[in-house]
Amino acid sequence: MENGLAENGRMIPGRPHVYNLHDILTGSNADGKAYPPGKDMTCGNWTKNGEGSAFVGHHDRIGLRDDAPSKSWNASHPSRGCSPALLRRSGSSGLLYCFTAN
């Protein structure tokens, strides 16, 4: 799965692996755009380490439900927090997708 590779080519575990890390930090909505001012979905522009939230996508496109947006690679749900421990509870290790629109 091309979306599930780290920068070194290593596969990122997704579902159904026991150690699921399919939540990738994007901070974007389903259109790939930033949320409006005042709606922080980037853990304080990636500076918070505790309270807050970031929007994540699922690199394996497997969601909790079979409907969108839970199956989106770039906008599935908010994280449970911004610290490494809270991100792990959401299924993330703090990996980021960086992308831009043409």
Protein backbone atom coordinates (compact mmCIF):
# COMPACT_ATOMS: atom_id res chain seq x y z
CA MET A 1 0.00 0.00 0.00
CA GLU A 2 1.73 3.18 -1.20
CA ASN A 3 0.07 5.44 1.42
CA GLY A 4 1.42 3.29 4.23
CA LEU A 5 5.15 3.77 3.65
CA ALA A 6 7.46 5.84 5.83
CA GLU A 7 10.11 8.06 4.27
CA ASN A 8 12.59 5.16 4.50
CA GLY A 9 10.23 2.71 2.71
CA ARG A 10 9.21 0.90 5.91
CA MET A 11 5.56 -0.25 6.02
CA ILE A 12 3.40 1.48 8.63
CA PRO A 13 1.15 -1.07 10.37
CA GLY A 14 -2.56 -0.64 9.78
CA ARG A 15 -5.59 -2.76 10.41
CA PRO A 16 -5.88 -5.70 11.02
CA HIS A 17 -2.40 -5.65 12.67
CA VAL A 18 -2.41 -5.89 16.43
CA TYR A 19 -0.19 -2.79 16.61
CA ASN A 20 -2.28 -0.45 14.46
CA LEU A 21 -0.73 2.91 13.53
CA HIS A 22 -2.98 3.83 10.62
CA ASP A 23 -3.86 7.32 11.95
CA ILE A 24 -1.69 9.83 10.09
CA LEU A 25 -1.71 13.48 11.18
CA THR A 26 -2.97 15.83 8.44
CA GLY A 27 -4.89 18.64 10.12
CA SER A 28 -7.05 18.88 7.02
CA ASN A 29 -10.68 18.37 6.11
CA ALA A 30 -11.82 15.92 3.41
CA ASP A 31 -11.08 18.52 0.68
CA GLY A 32 -7.46 18.69 1.86
CA LYS A 33 -7.96 22.23 3.12
CA ALA A 34 -7.17 23.71 6.50
CA TYR A 35 -9.96 24.23 9.00
CA PRO A 36 -11.17 27.83 9.45
CA PRO A 37 -9.46 30.16 11.93
CA GLY A 38 -10.51 29.40 15.49
CA LYS A 39 -10.96 25.66 14.84
CA ASP A 40 -7.62 24.14 15.79
CA MET A 41 -7.23 20.73 14.18
CA THR A 42 -3.41 20.82 14.13
CA CYS A 43 -2.49 20.51 17.83
CA GLY A 44 -1.65 24.21 17.94
CA ASN A 45 0.13 24.22 14.58
CA TRP A 46 1.98 21.05 15.68
CA THR A 47 3.36 22.65 18.87
CA LYS A 48 1.09 21.16 21.60
CA ASN A 49 2.02 18.11 23.62
CA GLY A 50 -1.08 17.25 25.65
CA GLU A 51 -4.50 18.84 25.39
CA GLY A 52 -5.95 19.59 21.97
CA SER A 53 -6.66 17.65 18.85
CA ALA A 54 -5.45 17.06 15.31
CA PHE A 55 -7.41 15.70 12.40
CA VAL A 56 -6.04 12.40 11.11
CA GLY A 57 -6.47 10.25 8.03
CA HIS A 58 -6.25 6.46 7.73
CA HIS A 59 -3.39 5.40 5.46
CA ASP A 60 -5.04 2.01 4.93
CA ARG A 61 -8.47 3.59 4.26
CA ILE A 62 -10.02 1.23 6.81
CA GLY A 63 -12.40 3.02 9.16
CA LEU A 64 -14.54 2.29 12.13
CA ARG A 65 -17.56 2.40 9.84
CA ASP A 66 -17.98 1.66 6.15
CA ASP A 67 -19.11 5.20 5.36
CA ALA A 68 -17.15 8.37 4.73
CA PRO A 69 -15.35 10.20 6.18
CA SER A 70 -13.98 7.44 8.42
CA LYS A 71 -12.34 5.70 5.44
CA SER A 72 -10.55 8.80 4.18
CA TRP A 73 -6.77 8.81 3.79
CA ASN A 74 -6.59 12.47 4.81
CA ALA A 75 -9.63 13.24 7.01
CA SER A 76 -11.06 10.44 9.15
CA HIS A 77 -11.49 11.79 12.70
CA PRO A 78 -9.91 14.00 15.37
CA SER A 79 -7.21 12.57 17.60
CA ARG A 80 -7.79 12.06 21.33
CA GLY A 81 -5.08 14.58 22.15
CA CYS A 82 -1.66 15.87 21.14
CA SER A 83 0.78 13.99 23.38
CA PRO A 84 2.45 10.80 22.17
CA ALA A 85 0.43 8.75 24.70
CA LEU A 86 -2.89 10.26 23.58
CA LEU A 87 -2.00 9.85 19.90
CA ARG A 88 -1.20 6.16 20.50
CA ARG A 89 -4.67 5.72 22.04
CA SER A 90 -6.09 6.94 18.71
CA GLY A 91 -3.94 4.57 16.63
CA SER A 92 -1.14 6.98 15.75
CA SER A 93 2.54 7.37 16.42
CA GLY A 94 2.60 11.01 15.37
CA LEU A 95 3.43 10.42 11.71
CA LEU A 96 2.56 13.29 9.36
CA TYR A 97 1.26 13.46 5.81
CA CYS A 98 2.56 16.56 4.09
CA PHE A 99 0.73 17.45 0.90
CA THR A 100 -0.31 20.41 -1.19
CA ALA A 101 -2.85 21.14 -3.88
CA ASN A 102 -1.72 21.71 -7.46
